[in-house]
N, C-alpha and C. Protein backbone atom coordinates (compact mmCIF):
# COMPACT_ATOMS: atom_id res chain seq x y z
N MET A 1 -10.58 6.59 3.33
CA MET A 1 -9.26 6.76 2.78
C MET A 1 -8.96 8.20 2.42
N ASP A 2 -9.94 9.02 2.18
CA ASP A 2 -9.68 10.35 1.66
C ASP A 2 -9.22 11.34 2.70
N GLU A 3 -9.33 11.05 3.99
CA GLU A 3 -8.91 11.99 5.02
C GLU A 3 -7.49 11.74 5.51
N ARG A 4 -6.81 10.74 4.96
CA ARG A 4 -5.46 10.43 5.40
C ARG A 4 -4.44 11.36 4.76
N THR A 5 -3.31 11.48 5.40
CA THR A 5 -2.19 12.19 4.80
C THR A 5 -1.20 11.15 4.30
N VAL A 6 -0.50 11.47 3.25
CA VAL A 6 0.48 10.54 2.68
C VAL A 6 1.65 10.46 3.64
N LYS A 7 2.05 9.24 3.96
CA LYS A 7 3.10 9.00 4.94
C LYS A 7 4.27 8.31 4.28
N ASP A 8 5.46 8.58 4.79
CA ASP A 8 6.65 7.86 4.33
C ASP A 8 6.75 6.55 5.08
N PHE A 9 6.78 5.45 4.34
CA PHE A 9 6.93 4.13 4.93
C PHE A 9 8.35 3.67 4.76
N LYS A 10 8.77 2.71 5.59
CA LYS A 10 10.12 2.16 5.51
C LYS A 10 10.04 0.72 5.03
N VAL A 11 11.13 0.24 4.45
CA VAL A 11 11.22 -1.16 4.05
C VAL A 11 11.06 -2.02 5.31
N GLY A 12 10.20 -3.01 5.22
CA GLY A 12 9.93 -3.89 6.36
C GLY A 12 8.66 -3.55 7.11
N ASP A 13 8.05 -2.39 6.82
CA ASP A 13 6.80 -2.00 7.49
C ASP A 13 5.66 -2.90 7.04
N LEU A 14 4.80 -3.26 7.98
CA LEU A 14 3.59 -4.00 7.69
C LEU A 14 2.50 -3.00 7.38
N VAL A 15 1.87 -3.14 6.22
CA VAL A 15 0.87 -2.18 5.77
C VAL A 15 -0.39 -2.88 5.28
N LYS A 16 -1.47 -2.11 5.23
CA LYS A 16 -2.69 -2.57 4.60
C LYS A 16 -2.78 -1.86 3.26
N TRP A 17 -3.04 -2.61 2.19
CA TRP A 17 -3.12 -2.05 0.85
C TRP A 17 -4.56 -2.14 0.34
N TYR A 18 -4.86 -1.28 -0.64
CA TYR A 18 -6.19 -1.23 -1.26
C TYR A 18 -6.05 -1.22 -2.77
N ASP A 19 -6.89 -2.00 -3.46
CA ASP A 19 -7.04 -1.92 -4.92
C ASP A 19 -8.40 -1.29 -5.18
N THR A 20 -8.41 -0.29 -6.06
CA THR A 20 -9.66 0.41 -6.35
C THR A 20 -10.01 0.28 -7.83
N CYS A 21 -11.27 0.55 -8.13
CA CYS A 21 -11.73 0.59 -9.51
C CYS A 21 -11.15 1.83 -10.20
N ALA A 22 -11.46 1.99 -11.46
CA ALA A 22 -10.90 3.10 -12.24
C ALA A 22 -11.24 4.47 -11.67
N ASP A 23 -12.35 4.58 -10.95
CA ASP A 23 -12.73 5.87 -10.38
C ASP A 23 -12.00 6.19 -9.08
N SER A 24 -11.20 5.26 -8.58
CA SER A 24 -10.42 5.41 -7.34
C SER A 24 -11.29 5.66 -6.11
N ILE A 25 -12.54 5.25 -6.18
CA ILE A 25 -13.44 5.41 -5.03
C ILE A 25 -13.84 4.06 -4.47
N VAL A 26 -14.25 3.14 -5.34
CA VAL A 26 -14.75 1.84 -4.90
C VAL A 26 -13.59 0.88 -4.70
N VAL A 27 -13.46 0.34 -3.49
CA VAL A 27 -12.41 -0.63 -3.17
C VAL A 27 -12.93 -2.02 -3.52
N PHE A 28 -12.17 -2.75 -4.36
CA PHE A 28 -12.60 -4.10 -4.70
C PHE A 28 -11.69 -5.17 -4.12
N ALA A 29 -10.55 -4.80 -3.57
CA ALA A 29 -9.68 -5.76 -2.91
C ALA A 29 -8.81 -5.03 -1.89
N SER A 30 -8.45 -5.74 -0.84
CA SER A 30 -7.55 -5.18 0.16
C SER A 30 -6.88 -6.33 0.89
N GLY A 31 -5.82 -6.02 1.59
CA GLY A 31 -5.11 -7.04 2.35
C GLY A 31 -3.91 -6.43 3.03
N THR A 32 -3.08 -7.29 3.59
CA THR A 32 -1.88 -6.83 4.27
C THR A 32 -0.65 -7.24 3.46
N GLY A 33 0.42 -6.53 3.69
CA GLY A 33 1.66 -6.84 3.00
C GLY A 33 2.84 -6.17 3.68
N ILE A 34 4.01 -6.49 3.18
CA ILE A 34 5.27 -5.97 3.73
C ILE A 34 5.96 -5.17 2.64
N ILE A 35 6.42 -3.99 2.99
CA ILE A 35 7.14 -3.14 2.04
C ILE A 35 8.53 -3.73 1.81
N THR A 36 8.84 -3.97 0.52
CA THR A 36 10.14 -4.55 0.17
C THR A 36 11.06 -3.55 -0.53
N ASP A 37 10.49 -2.51 -1.12
CA ASP A 37 11.28 -1.50 -1.83
C ASP A 37 10.49 -0.21 -1.88
N SER A 38 11.19 0.91 -2.01
CA SER A 38 10.47 2.19 -2.07
C SER A 38 11.12 3.12 -3.06
N ASN A 39 10.30 3.99 -3.63
CA ASN A 39 10.74 5.08 -4.49
C ASN A 39 10.11 6.33 -3.90
N LYS A 40 10.81 6.95 -2.97
CA LYS A 40 10.24 8.09 -2.24
C LYS A 40 10.00 9.31 -3.12
N TYR A 41 10.73 9.43 -4.22
CA TYR A 41 10.53 10.59 -5.09
C TYR A 41 9.17 10.55 -5.76
N MET A 42 8.68 9.35 -6.06
CA MET A 42 7.38 9.22 -6.69
C MET A 42 6.33 8.70 -5.72
N ASN A 43 6.68 8.45 -4.46
CA ASN A 43 5.79 7.95 -3.43
C ASN A 43 5.17 6.59 -3.82
N TYR A 44 6.00 5.73 -4.43
CA TYR A 44 5.57 4.38 -4.78
C TYR A 44 6.36 3.36 -3.98
N TYR A 45 5.70 2.28 -3.62
CA TYR A 45 6.30 1.24 -2.81
C TYR A 45 6.01 -0.12 -3.43
N THR A 46 6.97 -1.03 -3.36
CA THR A 46 6.76 -2.40 -3.77
C THR A 46 6.35 -3.19 -2.54
N ILE A 47 5.21 -3.86 -2.63
CA ILE A 47 4.63 -4.57 -1.50
C ILE A 47 4.61 -6.06 -1.80
N TYR A 48 5.05 -6.87 -0.82
CA TYR A 48 4.82 -8.31 -0.90
C TYR A 48 3.45 -8.56 -0.27
N ARG A 49 2.48 -8.94 -1.09
CA ARG A 49 1.12 -9.16 -0.60
C ARG A 49 1.03 -10.57 -0.03
N THR A 50 0.74 -10.66 1.27
CA THR A 50 0.83 -11.94 1.98
C THR A 50 -0.20 -12.95 1.52
N LYS A 51 -1.44 -12.54 1.29
CA LYS A 51 -2.47 -13.49 0.89
C LYS A 51 -2.26 -13.97 -0.55
N GLU A 52 -1.90 -13.04 -1.44
CA GLU A 52 -1.72 -13.37 -2.85
C GLU A 52 -0.36 -13.99 -3.14
N LYS A 53 0.58 -13.81 -2.22
CA LYS A 53 1.96 -14.31 -2.36
C LYS A 53 2.62 -13.79 -3.64
N ASP A 54 2.49 -12.47 -3.86
CA ASP A 54 3.12 -11.84 -5.01
C ASP A 54 3.60 -10.44 -4.64
N PHE A 55 4.23 -9.77 -5.60
CA PHE A 55 4.72 -8.42 -5.42
C PHE A 55 3.90 -7.47 -6.29
N GLN A 56 3.57 -6.30 -5.74
CA GLN A 56 2.78 -5.32 -6.48
C GLN A 56 3.24 -3.92 -6.06
N ASP A 57 3.24 -2.98 -7.00
CA ASP A 57 3.59 -1.59 -6.70
C ASP A 57 2.34 -0.81 -6.34
N TYR A 58 2.44 0.01 -5.28
CA TYR A 58 1.32 0.82 -4.83
C TYR A 58 1.78 2.23 -4.53
N SER A 59 0.91 3.18 -4.80
CA SER A 59 1.13 4.55 -4.36
C SER A 59 0.93 4.59 -2.85
N GLY A 60 1.62 5.49 -2.19
CA GLY A 60 1.47 5.64 -0.75
C GLY A 60 0.05 6.02 -0.34
N TYR A 61 -0.71 6.57 -1.28
CA TYR A 61 -2.10 6.94 -0.98
C TYR A 61 -2.96 5.73 -0.68
N TYR A 62 -2.64 4.58 -1.27
CA TYR A 62 -3.44 3.37 -1.09
C TYR A 62 -2.87 2.43 -0.04
N LEU A 63 -2.06 2.97 0.86
CA LEU A 63 -1.46 2.17 1.93
C LEU A 63 -1.78 2.80 3.28
N GLU A 64 -1.93 1.92 4.27
CA GLU A 64 -2.09 2.35 5.66
C GLU A 64 -1.15 1.53 6.52
N MET A 65 -0.59 2.16 7.54
CA MET A 65 0.26 1.45 8.49
C MET A 65 -0.61 0.54 9.36
N VAL A 66 -0.13 -0.69 9.58
CA VAL A 66 -0.82 -1.61 10.48
C VAL A 66 -0.17 -1.47 11.85
N ASN A 67 -0.98 -1.17 12.86
CA ASN A 67 -0.46 -1.04 14.21
C ASN A 67 -0.27 -2.43 14.81
N ALA A 68 0.98 -2.79 15.01
CA ALA A 68 1.27 -4.13 15.53
C ALA A 68 1.65 -4.09 16.99
């Protein structure tokens, strides 16, 4: 994850998200989701997490585009 560049995502993009521990190094959860809202000024996105069936806010740093 550390070699990626922060990318601008669009509403409707399918992404892979990551949850990390407090040190932001160890990944303890991940999955796919759909971007439903964005705040480009702060680089935060609201994601509908498909497996969990909920909404969560993520920094663009913890998201990757899924090639479909």
